[in-house]
Amino acid sequence: MSATVINLIIQLIAGAIGGNAAGAAMKNFDLGALGNTIAGALGGAGGGTLLTALLPMLQGAAGGDIDIAALAGQAVGGGVAGAIVTAIVGLIKNSMAGGRAA
């Protein structure tokens, strides 16, 4: 498997975990288990891809070797981006529903 596919899988999983953690921590922004997972995974993939473009060292080794630091960077970036996107989507959902977001 190519490094790009591995990075994307890590970003999706970490984003889903980050989205569910954000939903559990901030009940006002909770989208439900499925909503948190989807928003987090999409945020993790988008944010992780953006982070990789900004910091090419997170792309990993070109020779096919596994670079643990790059994988950890992808996981952290995907998780944080997933949590942020979940919170933003939850805020928008609450605003459109007329609920309090704070």
PDB file of N, CA and C in Angstrom:
ATOM      1  N   MET A   1       0.842  -1.177   0.000  1.00  0.00           N
ATOM      2  CA  MET A   1       0.000   0.000   0.000  1.00  0.00           C
ATOM      3  C   MET A   1       0.886   1.239   0.000  1.00  0.00           C
ATOM      4  N   SER A   2       0.462   2.250  -0.710  1.00  0.00           N
ATOM      5  CA  SER A   2       1.284   3.451  -0.784  1.00  0.00           C
ATOM      6  C   SER A   2       1.162   4.271   0.497  1.00  0.00           C
ATOM      7  N   ALA A   3       2.139   5.131   0.712  1.00  0.00           N
ATOM      8  CA  ALA A   3       2.153   5.962   1.915  1.00  0.00           C
ATOM      9  C   ALA A   3       0.947   6.895   1.959  1.00  0.00           C
ATOM     10  N   THR A   4       0.493   7.351   0.809  1.00  0.00           N
ATOM     11  CA  THR A   4      -0.658   8.259   0.760  1.00  0.00           C
ATOM     12  C   THR A   4      -1.920   7.569   1.255  1.00  0.00           C
ATOM     13  N   VAL A   5      -2.132   6.337   0.876  1.00  0.00           N
ATOM     14  CA  VAL A   5      -3.320   5.592   1.304  1.00  0.00           C
ATOM     15  C   VAL A   5      -3.243   5.310   2.802  1.00  0.00           C
ATOM     16  N   ILE A   6      -2.074   4.926   3.289  1.00  0.00           N
ATOM     17  CA  ILE A   6      -1.901   4.669   4.717  1.00  0.00           C
ATOM     18  C   ILE A   6      -2.159   5.939   5.516  1.00  0.00           C
ATOM     19  N   ASN A   7      -1.623   7.066   5.046  1.00  0.00           N
ATOM     20  CA  ASN A   7      -1.855   8.341   5.725  1.00  0.00           C
ATOM     21  C   ASN A   7      -3.345   8.677   5.762  1.00  0.00           C
ATOM     22  N   LEU A   8      -4.045   8.463   4.657  1.00  0.00           N
ATOM     23  CA  LEU A   8      -5.472   8.762   4.593  1.00  0.00           C
ATOM     24  C   LEU A   8      -6.268   7.880   5.558  1.00  0.00           C
ATOM     25  N   ILE A   9      -5.926   6.618   5.636  1.00  0.00           N
ATOM     26  CA  ILE A   9      -6.617   5.715   6.565  1.00  0.00           C
ATOM     27  C   ILE A   9      -6.398   6.163   8.007  1.00  0.00           C
ATOM     28  N   ILE A  10      -5.169   6.517   8.337  1.00  0.00           N
ATOM     29  CA  ILE A  10      -4.865   6.990   9.692  1.00  0.00           C
ATOM     30  C   ILE A  10      -5.631   8.270   9.991  1.00  0.00           C
ATOM     31  N   GLN A  11      -5.679   9.182   9.029  1.00  0.00           N
ATOM     32  CA  GLN A  11      -6.403  10.445   9.226  1.00  0.00           C
ATOM     33  C   GLN A  11      -7.896  10.202   9.428  1.00  0.00           C
ATOM     34  N   LEU A  12      -8.492   9.296   8.658  1.00  0.00           N
ATOM     35  CA  LEU A  12      -9.912   8.988   8.793  1.00  0.00           C
ATOM     36  C   LEU A  12     -10.225   8.395  10.161  1.00  0.00           C
ATOM     37  N   ILE A  13      -9.418   7.438  10.594  1.00  0.00           N
ATOM     38  CA  ILE A  13      -9.654   6.795  11.888  1.00  0.00           C
ATOM     39  C   ILE A  13      -9.436   7.781  13.028  1.00  0.00           C
ATOM     40  N   ALA A  14      -8.341   8.527  12.973  1.00  0.00           N
ATOM     41  CA  ALA A  14      -8.063   9.500  14.030  1.00  0.00           C
ATOM     42  C   ALA A  14      -9.113  10.605  14.055  1.00  0.00           C
ATOM     43  N   GLY A  15      -9.571  11.021  12.891  1.00  0.00           N
ATOM     44  CA  GLY A  15     -10.620  12.033  12.821  1.00  0.00           C
ATOM     45  C   GLY A  15     -11.917  11.544  13.429  1.00  0.00           C
ATOM     46  N   ALA A  16     -12.269  10.285  13.158  1.00  0.00           N
ATOM     47  CA  ALA A  16     -13.485   9.707  13.739  1.00  0.00           C
ATOM     48  C   ALA A  16     -13.373   9.640  15.256  1.00  0.00           C
ATOM     49  N   ILE A  17     -12.212   9.257  15.759  1.00  0.00           N
ATOM     50  CA  ILE A  17     -11.996   9.216  17.207  1.00  0.00           C
ATOM     51  C   ILE A  17     -12.065  10.623  17.792  1.00  0.00           C
ATOM     52  N   GLY A  18     -11.422  11.571  17.129  1.00  0.00           N
ATOM     53  CA  GLY A  18     -11.463  12.963  17.597  1.00  0.00           C
ATOM     54  C   GLY A  18     -12.865  13.536  17.571  1.00  0.00           C
ATOM     55  N   GLY A  19     -13.633  13.211  16.543  1.00  0.00           N
ATOM     56  CA  GLY A  19     -15.013  13.684  16.450  1.00  0.00           C
ATOM     57  C   GLY A  19     -15.882  13.130  17.563  1.00  0.00           C
ATOM     58  N   ASN A  20     -15.731  11.846  17.860  1.00  0.00           N
ATOM     59  CA  ASN A  20     -16.498  11.249  18.945  1.00  0.00           C
ATOM     60  C   ASN A  20     -16.058  11.786  20.305  1.00  0.00           C
ATOM     61  N   ALA A  21     -14.776  12.045  20.467  1.00  0.00           N
ATOM     62  CA  ALA A  21     -14.299  12.627  21.722  1.00  0.00           C
ATOM     63  C   ALA A  21     -14.846  14.038  21.906  1.00  0.00           C
ATOM     64  N   ALA A  22     -14.879  14.812  20.830  1.00  0.00           N
ATOM     65  CA  ALA A  22     -15.426  16.174  20.912  1.00  0.00           C
ATOM     66  C   ALA A  22     -16.913  16.141  21.229  1.00  0.00           C
ATOM     67  N   GLY A  23     -17.634  15.227  20.623  1.00  0.00           N
ATOM     68  CA  GLY A  23     -19.063  15.094  20.894  1.00  0.00           C
ATOM     69  C   GLY A  23     -19.336  14.690  22.334  1.00  0.00           C
ATOM     70  N   ALA A  24     -18.489  13.817  22.879  1.00  0.00           N
ATOM     71  CA  ALA A  24     -18.652  13.384  24.263  1.00  0.00           C
ATOM     72  C   ALA A  24     -18.272  14.490  25.241  1.00  0.00           C
ATOM     73  N   ALA A  25     -17.256  15.273  24.894  1.00  0.00           N
ATOM     74  CA  ALA A  25     -16.786  16.323  25.793  1.00  0.00           C
ATOM     75  C   ALA A  25     -17.682  17.557  25.766  1.00  0.00           C
ATOM     76  N   MET A  26     -18.238  17.865  24.616  1.00  0.00           N
ATOM     77  CA  MET A  26     -19.075  19.059  24.468  1.00  0.00           C
ATOM     78  C   MET A  26     -20.481  18.625  24.073  1.00  0.00           C
ATOM     79  N   LYS A  27     -21.310  18.376  25.073  1.00  0.00           N
ATOM     80  CA  LYS A  27     -22.656  17.853  24.816  1.00  0.00           C
ATOM     81  C   LYS A  27     -23.501  18.800  23.964  1.00  0.00           C
ATOM     82  N   ASN A  28     -23.218  20.096  24.005  1.00  0.00           N
ATOM     83  CA  ASN A  28     -23.976  21.057  23.192  1.00  0.00           C
ATOM     84  C   ASN A  28     -23.727  20.865  21.704  1.00  0.00           C
ATOM     85  N   PHE A  29     -22.586  20.297  21.345  1.00  0.00           N
ATOM     86  CA  PHE A  29     -22.214  20.137  19.944  1.00  0.00           C
ATOM     87  C   PHE A  29     -22.324  18.692  19.481  1.00  0.00           C
ATOM     88  N   ASP A  30     -22.867  17.823  20.327  1.00  0.00           N
ATOM     89  CA  ASP A  30     -22.958  16.403  20.003  1.00  0.00           C
ATOM     90  C   ASP A  30     -23.906  16.180  18.827  1.00  0.00           C
ATOM     91  N   LEU A  31     -23.466  15.408  17.855  1.00  0.00           N
ATOM     92  CA  LEU A  31     -24.258  15.099  16.660  1.00  0.00           C
ATOM     93  C   LEU A  31     -24.778  13.667  16.680  1.00  0.00           C
ATOM     94  N   GLY A  32     -24.578  12.971  17.778  1.00  0.00           N
ATOM     95  CA  GLY A  32     -24.893  11.552  17.830  1.00  0.00           C
ATOM     96  C   GLY A  32     -23.683  10.756  17.372  1.00  0.00           C
ATOM     97  N   ALA A  33     -23.685   9.484  17.655  1.00  0.00           N
ATOM     98  CA  ALA A  33     -22.510   8.659  17.343  1.00  0.00           C
ATOM     99  C   ALA A  33     -22.173   8.664  15.851  1.00  0.00           C
ATOM    100  N   LEU A  34     -23.172   8.472  15.013  1.00  0.00           N
ATOM    101  CA  LEU A  34     -22.917   8.427  13.572  1.00  0.00           C
ATOM    102  C   LEU A  34     -22.499   9.802  13.046  1.00  0.00           C
ATOM    103  N   GLY A  35     -23.173  10.845  13.485  1.00  0.00           N
ATOM    104  CA  GLY A  35     -22.829  12.197  13.037  1.00  0.00           C
ATOM    105  C   GLY A  35     -21.435  12.611  13.459  1.00  0.00           C
ATOM    106  N   ASN A  36     -21.074  12.297  14.706  1.00  0.00           N
ATOM    107  CA  ASN A  36     -19.726  12.611  15.190  1.00  0.00           C
ATOM    108  C   ASN A  36     -18.665  11.849  14.398  1.00  0.00           C
ATOM    109  N   THR A  37     -18.959  10.606  14.095  1.00  0.00           N
ATOM    110  CA  THR A  37     -18.001   9.780  13.354  1.00  0.00           C
ATOM    111  C   THR A  37     -17.806  10.301  11.936  1.00  0.00           C
ATOM    112  N   ILE A  38     -18.902  10.619  11.260  1.00  0.00           N
ATOM    113  CA  ILE A  38     -18.803  11.100   9.879  1.00  0.00           C
ATOM    114  C   ILE A  38     -18.122  12.463   9.821  1.00  0.00           C
ATOM    115  N   ALA A  39     -18.574  13.394  10.664  1.00  0.00           N
ATOM    116  CA  ALA A  39     -17.962  14.731  10.660  1.00  0.00           C
ATOM    117  C   ALA A  39     -16.494  14.651  11.051  1.00  0.00           C
ATOM    118  N   GLY A  40     -16.182  13.831  12.035  1.00  0.00           N
ATOM    119  CA  GLY A  40     -14.793  13.680  12.463  1.00  0.00           C
ATOM    120  C   GLY A  40     -13.917  13.062  11.395  1.00  0.00           C
ATOM    121  N   ALA A  41     -14.420  12.024  10.732  1.00  0.00           N
ATOM    122  CA  ALA A  41     -13.630  11.363   9.683  1.00  0.00           C
ATOM    123  C   ALA A  41     -13.364  12.317   8.520  1.00  0.00           C
ATOM    124  N   LEU A  42     -14.393  13.049   8.100  1.00  0.00           N
ATOM    125  CA  LEU A  42     -14.203  14.012   7.007  1.00  0.00           C
ATOM    126  C   LEU A  42     -13.242  15.130   7.428  1.00  0.00           C
ATOM    127  N   GLY A  43     -13.401  15.606   8.654  1.00  0.00           N
ATOM    128  CA  GLY A  43     -12.485  16.635   9.155  1.00  0.00           C
ATOM    129  C   GLY A  43     -11.067  16.116   9.290  1.00  0.00           C
ATOM    130  N   GLY A  44     -10.938  14.877   9.749  1.00  0.00           N
ATOM    131  CA  GLY A  44      -9.603  14.286   9.888  1.00  0.00           C
ATOM    132  C   GLY A  44      -8.906  14.135   8.553  1.00  0.00           C
ATOM    133  N   ALA A  45      -9.653  13.693   7.546  1.00  0.00           N
ATOM    134  CA  ALA A  45      -9.051  13.529   6.217  1.00  0.00           C
ATOM    135  C   ALA A  45      -8.674  14.886   5.621  1.00  0.00           C
ATOM    136  N   GLY A  46      -9.583  15.845   5.715  1.00  0.00           N
ATOM    137  CA  GLY A  46      -9.299  17.174   5.165  1.00  0.00           C
ATOM    138  C   GLY A  46      -8.193  17.892   5.908  1.00  0.00           C
ATOM    139  N   GLY A  47      -8.284  17.884   7.220  1.00  0.00           N
ATOM    140  CA  GLY A  47      -7.267  18.556   8.032  1.00  0.00           C
ATOM    141  C   GLY A  47      -5.916  17.878   7.950  1.00  0.00           C
ATOM    142  N   GLY A  48      -5.916  16.555   7.932  1.00  0.00           N
ATOM    143  CA  GLY A  48      -4.658  15.830   7.816  1.00  0.00           C
ATOM    144  C   GLY A  48      -3.988  16.053   6.474  1.00  0.00           C
ATOM    145  N   THR A  49      -4.783  16.116   5.421  1.00  0.00           N
ATOM    146  CA  THR A  49      -4.238  16.390   4.091  1.00  0.00           C
ATOM    147  C   THR A  49      -3.655  17.798   4.021  1.00  0.00           C
ATOM    148  N   LEU A  50      -4.375  18.741   4.601  1.00  0.00           N
ATOM    149  CA  LEU A  50      -3.880  20.121   4.641  1.00  0.00           C
ATOM    150  C   LEU A  50      -2.599  20.207   5.461  1.00  0.00           C
ATOM    151  N   LEU A  51      -2.566  19.519   6.597  1.00  0.00           N
ATOM    152  CA  LEU A  51      -1.371  19.533   7.441  1.00  0.00           C
ATOM    153  C   LEU A  51      -0.182  18.908   6.717  1.00  0.00           C
ATOM    154  N   THR A  52      -0.416  17.841   5.986  1.00  0.00           N
ATOM    155  CA  THR A  52       0.656  17.207   5.222  1.00  0.00           C
ATOM    156  C   THR A  52       1.182  18.134   4.132  1.00  0.00           C
ATOM    157  N   ALA A  53       0.285  18.900   3.515  1.00  0.00           N
ATOM    158  CA  ALA A  53       0.730  19.857   2.486  1.00  0.00           C
ATOM    159  C   ALA A  53       1.566  20.976   3.100  1.00  0.00           C
ATOM    160  N   LEU A  54       1.203  21.384   4.312  1.00  0.00           N
ATOM    161  CA  LEU A  54       1.943  22.466   4.973  1.00  0.00           C
ATOM    162  C   LEU A  54       3.244  21.973   5.596  1.00  0.00           C
ATOM    163  N   LEU A  55       3.242  20.734   6.080  1.00  0.00           N
ATOM    164  CA  LEU A  55       4.428  20.153   6.720  1.00  0.00           C
ATOM    165  C   LEU A  55       4.799  18.857   6.001  1.00  0.00           C
ATOM    166  N   PRO A  56       5.570  18.934   4.922  1.00  0.00           N
ATOM    167  CA  PRO A  56       5.883  17.733   4.136  1.00  0.00           C
ATOM    168  C   PRO A  56       6.611  16.647   4.920  1.00  0.00           C
ATOM    169  N   MET A  57       7.216  16.987   6.058  1.00  0.00           N
ATOM    170  CA  MET A  57       7.912  15.959   6.833  1.00  0.00           C
ATOM    171  C   MET A  57       6.938  14.928   7.402  1.00  0.00           C
ATOM    172  N   LEU A  58       5.637  15.253   7.446  1.00  0.00           N
ATOM    173  CA  LEU A  58       4.638  14.307   7.931  1.00  0.00           C
ATOM    174  C   LEU A  58       4.234  13.289   6.874  1.00  0.00           C
ATOM    175  N   GLN A  59       4.757  13.430   5.670  1.00  0.00           N
ATOM    176  CA  GLN A  59       4.403  12.530   4.583  1.00  0.00           C
ATOM    177  C   GLN A  59       5.022  11.156   4.756  1.00  0.00           C
ATOM    178  N   GLY A  60       6.092  11.064   5.482  1.00  0.00           N
ATOM    179  CA  GLY A  60       6.721   9.766   5.714  1.00  0.00           C
ATOM    180  C   GLY A  60       7.899   9.544   4.796  1.00  0.00           C
ATOM    181  N   ALA A  61       8.543   8.417   4.996  1.00  0.00           N
ATOM    182  CA  ALA A  61       9.734   8.088   4.213  1.00  0.00           C
ATOM    183  C   ALA A  61       9.343   7.688   2.796  1.00  0.00           C
ATOM    184  N   ALA A  62      10.172   8.084   1.846  1.00  0.00           N
ATOM    185  CA  ALA A  62       9.892   7.794   0.442  1.00  0.00           C
ATOM    186  C   ALA A  62      10.240   6.351   0.082  1.00  0.00           C
ATOM    187  N   GLY A  63      11.102   5.724   0.843  1.00  0.00           N
ATOM    188  CA  GLY A  63      11.558   4.381   0.514  1.00  0.00           C
ATOM    189  C   GLY A  63      10.601   3.275   0.914  1.00  0.00           C
ATOM    190  N   GLY A  64       9.462   3.618   1.458  1.00  0.00           N
ATOM    191  CA  GLY A  64       8.493   2.610   1.852  1.00  0.00           C
ATOM    192  C   GLY A  64       8.642   2.175   3.297  1.00  0.00           C
ATOM    193  N   ASP A  65       9.662   2.675   3.989  1.00  0.00           N
ATOM    194  CA  ASP A  65       9.832   2.348   5.394  1.00  0.00           C
ATOM    195  C   ASP A  65       8.755   3.044   6.220  1.00  0.00           C
ATOM    196  N   ILE A  66       8.405   2.450   7.333  1.00  0.00           N
ATOM    197  CA  ILE A  66       7.402   3.050   8.210  1.00  0.00           C
ATOM    198  C   ILE A  66       8.093   4.070   9.107  1.00  0.00           C
ATOM    199  N   ASP A  67       7.614   5.283   9.056  1.00  0.00           N
ATOM    200  CA  ASP A  67       8.154   6.360   9.876  1.00  0.00           C
ATOM    201  C   ASP A  67       7.154   6.631  10.992  1.00  0.00           C
ATOM    202  N   ILE A  68       7.501   6.200  12.202  1.00  0.00           N
ATOM    203  CA  ILE A  68       6.579   6.300  13.338  1.00  0.00           C
ATOM    204  C   ILE A  68       6.245   7.756  13.649  1.00  0.00           C
ATOM    205  N   ALA A  69       7.197   8.641  13.537  1.00  0.00           N
ATOM    206  CA  ALA A  69       6.938  10.061  13.820  1.00  0.00           C
ATOM    207  C   ALA A  69       5.930  10.639  12.829  1.00  0.00           C
ATOM    208  N   ALA A  70       6.049  10.261  11.570  1.00  0.00           N
ATOM    209  CA  ALA A  70       5.098  10.747  10.563  1.00  0.00           C
ATOM    210  C   ALA A  70       3.707  10.178  10.822  1.00  0.00           C
ATOM    211  N   LEU A  71       3.623   8.906  11.200  1.00  0.00           N
ATOM    212  CA  LEU A  71       2.333   8.300  11.508  1.00  0.00           C
ATOM    213  C   LEU A  71       1.691   8.962  12.726  1.00  0.00           C
ATOM    214  N   ALA A  72       2.492   9.258  13.736  1.00  0.00           N
ATOM    215  CA  ALA A  72       1.971   9.933  14.925  1.00  0.00           C
ATOM    216  C   ALA A  72       1.483  11.338  14.574  1.00  0.00           C
ATOM    217  N   GLY A  73       2.220  12.028  13.725  1.00  0.00           N
ATOM    218  CA  GLY A  73       1.803  13.359  13.278  1.00  0.00           C
ATOM    219  C   GLY A  73       0.492  13.311  12.515  1.00  0.00           C
ATOM    220  N   GLN A  74       0.337  12.301  11.675  1.00  0.00           N
ATOM    221  CA  GLN A  74      -0.918  12.136  10.934  1.00  0.00           C
ATOM    222  C   GLN A  74      -2.073  11.864  11.888  1.00  0.00           C
ATOM    223  N   ALA A  75      -1.837  11.025  12.899  1.00  0.00           N
ATOM    224  CA  ALA A  75      -2.887  10.688  13.858  1.00  0.00           C
ATOM    225  C   ALA A  75      -3.302  11.902  14.680  1.00  0.00           C
ATOM    226  N   VAL A  76      -2.337  12.647  15.163  1.00  0.00           N
ATOM    227  CA  VAL A  76      -2.655  13.837  15.964  1.00  0.00           C
ATOM    228  C   VAL A  76      -3.352  14.895  15.106  1.00  0.00           C
ATOM    229  N   GLY A  77      -2.823  15.138  13.925  1.00  0.00           N
ATOM    230  CA  GLY A  77      -3.440  16.120  13.029  1.00  0.00           C
ATOM    231  C   GLY A  77      -4.854  15.742  12.642  1.00  0.00           C
ATOM    232  N   GLY A  78      -5.069  14.476  12.309  1.00  0.00           N
ATOM    233  CA  GLY A  78      -6.403  14.006  11.955  1.00  0.00           C
ATOM    234  C   GLY A  78      -7.369  14.073  13.121  1.00  0.00           C
ATOM    235  N   GLY A  79      -6.903  13.711  14.311  1.00  0.00           N
ATOM    236  CA  GLY A  79      -7.762  13.750  15.493  1.00  0.00           C
ATOM    237  C   GLY A  79      -8.186  15.154  15.870  1.00  0.00           C
ATOM    238  N   VAL A  80      -7.245  16.073  15.843  1.00  0.00           N
ATOM    239  CA  VAL A  80      -7.566  17.463  16.178  1.00  0.00           C
ATOM    240  C   VAL A  80      -8.494  18.068  15.128  1.00  0.00           C
ATOM    241  N   ALA A  81      -8.200  17.838  13.874  1.00  0.00           N
ATOM    242  CA  ALA A  81      -9.053  18.369  12.808  1.00  0.00           C
ATOM    243  C   ALA A  81     -10.450  17.759  12.872  1.00  0.00           C
ATOM    244  N   GLY A  82     -10.546  16.480  13.187  1.00  0.00           N
ATOM    245  CA  GLY A  82     -11.849  15.835  13.330  1.00  0.00           C
ATOM    246  C   GLY A  82     -12.656  16.433  14.467  1.00  0.00           C
ATOM    247  N   ALA A  83     -12.005  16.725  15.577  1.00  0.00           N
ATOM    248  CA  ALA A  83     -12.690  17.340  16.717  1.00  0.00           C
ATOM    249  C   ALA A  83     -13.165  18.751  16.371  1.00  0.00           C
ATOM    250  N   ILE A  84     -12.325  19.501  15.679  1.00  0.00           N
ATOM    251  CA  ILE A  84     -12.689  20.873  15.310  1.00  0.00           C
ATOM    252  C   ILE A  84     -13.874  20.878  14.351  1.00  0.00           C
ATOM    253  N   VAL A  85     -13.838  20.030  13.334  1.00  0.00           N
ATOM    254  CA  VAL A  85     -14.937  19.995  12.361  1.00  0.00           C
ATOM    255  C   VAL A  85     -16.231  19.543  13.029  1.00  0.00           C
ATOM    256  N   THR A  86     -16.148  18.573  13.927  1.00  0.00           N
ATOM    257  CA  THR A  86     -17.341  18.121  14.640  1.00  0.00           C
ATOM    258  C   THR A  86     -17.941  19.253  15.463  1.00  0.00           C
ATOM    259  N   ALA A  87     -17.093  20.011  16.152  1.00  0.00           N
ATOM    260  CA  ALA A  87     -17.588  21.143  16.945  1.00  0.00           C
ATOM    261  C   ALA A  87     -18.219  22.209  16.060  1.00  0.00           C
ATOM    262  N   ILE A  88     -17.622  22.481  14.925  1.00  0.00           N
ATOM    263  CA  ILE A  88     -18.170  23.493  14.013  1.00  0.00           C
ATOM    264  C   ILE A  88     -19.509  23.036  13.439  1.00  0.00           C
ATOM    265  N   VAL A  89     -19.600  21.774  13.024  1.00  0.00           N
ATOM    266  CA  VAL A  89     -20.856  21.261  12.486  1.00  0.00           C
ATOM    267  C   VAL A  89     -21.933  21.255  13.579  1.00  0.00           C
ATOM    268  N   GLY A  90     -21.560  20.886  14.807  1.00  0.00           N
ATOM    269  CA  GLY A  90     -22.508  20.918  15.918  1.00  0.00           C
ATOM    270  C   GLY A  90     -22.994  22.319  16.218  1.00  0.00           C
ATOM    271  N   LEU A  91     -22.092  23.292  16.135  1.00  0.00           N
ATOM    272  CA  LEU A  91     -22.464  24.692  16.350  1.00  0.00           C
ATOM    273  C   LEU A  91     -23.441  25.163  15.278  1.00  0.00           C
ATOM    274  N   ILE A  92     -23.148  24.831  14.035  1.00  0.00           N
ATOM    275  CA  ILE A  92     -24.036  25.219  12.927  1.00  0.00           C
ATOM    276  C   ILE A  92     -25.399  24.534  13.085  1.00  0.00           C
ATOM    277  N   LYS A  93     -25.388  23.261  13.420  1.00  0.00           N
ATOM    278  CA  LYS A  93     -26.660  22.530  13.605  1.00  0.00           C
ATOM    279  C   LYS A  93     -27.495  23.165  14.709  1.00  0.00           C
ATOM    280  N   ASN A  94     -26.863  23.486  15.843  1.00  0.00           N
ATOM    281  CA  ASN A  94     -27.596  24.115  16.940  1.00  0.00           C
ATOM    282  C   ASN A  94     -28.090  25.504  16.577  1.00  0.00           C
ATOM    283  N   SER A  95     -27.298  26.240  15.831  1.00  0.00           N
ATOM    284  CA  SER A  95     -27.725  27.590  15.414  1.00  0.00           C
ATOM    285  C   SER A  95     -28.913  27.530  14.490  1.00  0.00           C
ATOM    286  N   MET A  96     -28.922  26.562  13.573  1.00  0.00           N
ATOM    287  CA  MET A  96     -30.032  26.443  12.634  1.00  0.00           C
ATOM    288  C   MET A  96     -31.290  25.921  13.315  1.00  0.00           C
ATOM    289  N   ALA A  97     -31.113  25.135  14.372  1.00  0.00           N
ATOM    290  CA  ALA A  97     -32.254  24.585  15.093  1.00  0.00           C
ATOM    291  C   ALA A  97     -32.807  25.579  16.112  1.00  0.00           C
ATOM    292  N   GLY A  98     -32.096  26.670  16.326  1.00  0.00           N
ATOM    293  CA  GLY A  98     -32.528  27.688  17.279  1.00  0.00           C
ATOM    294  C   GLY A  98     -32.137  27.392  18.703  1.00  0.00           C
ATOM    295  N   GLY A  99     -31.261  26.397  18.894  1.00  0.00           N
ATOM    296  CA  GLY A  99     -30.808  26.045  20.243  1.00  0.00           C
ATOM    297  C   GLY A  99     -29.654  26.901  20.683  1.00  0.00           C
ATOM    298  N   ARG A 100     -29.364  26.806  21.961  1.00  0.00           N
ATOM    299  CA  ARG A 100     -28.208  27.541  22.502  1.00  0.00           C
ATOM    300  C   ARG A 100     -26.955  26.748  22.209  1.00  0.00           C
ATOM    301  N   ALA A 101     -25.914  27.424  21.724  1.00  0.00           N
ATOM    302  CA  ALA A 101     -24.665  26.760  21.385  1.00  0.00           C
ATOM    303  C   ALA A 101     -23.639  26.867  22.505  1.00  0.00           C
ATOM    304  N   ALA A 102     -23.889  27.676  23.497  1.00  0.00           N
ATOM    305  CA  ALA A 102     -22.888  27.873  24.545  1.00  0.00           C
ATOM    306  C   ALA A 102     -23.198  27.156  25.807  1.00  0.00           C
TER     307      ALA A 102
END
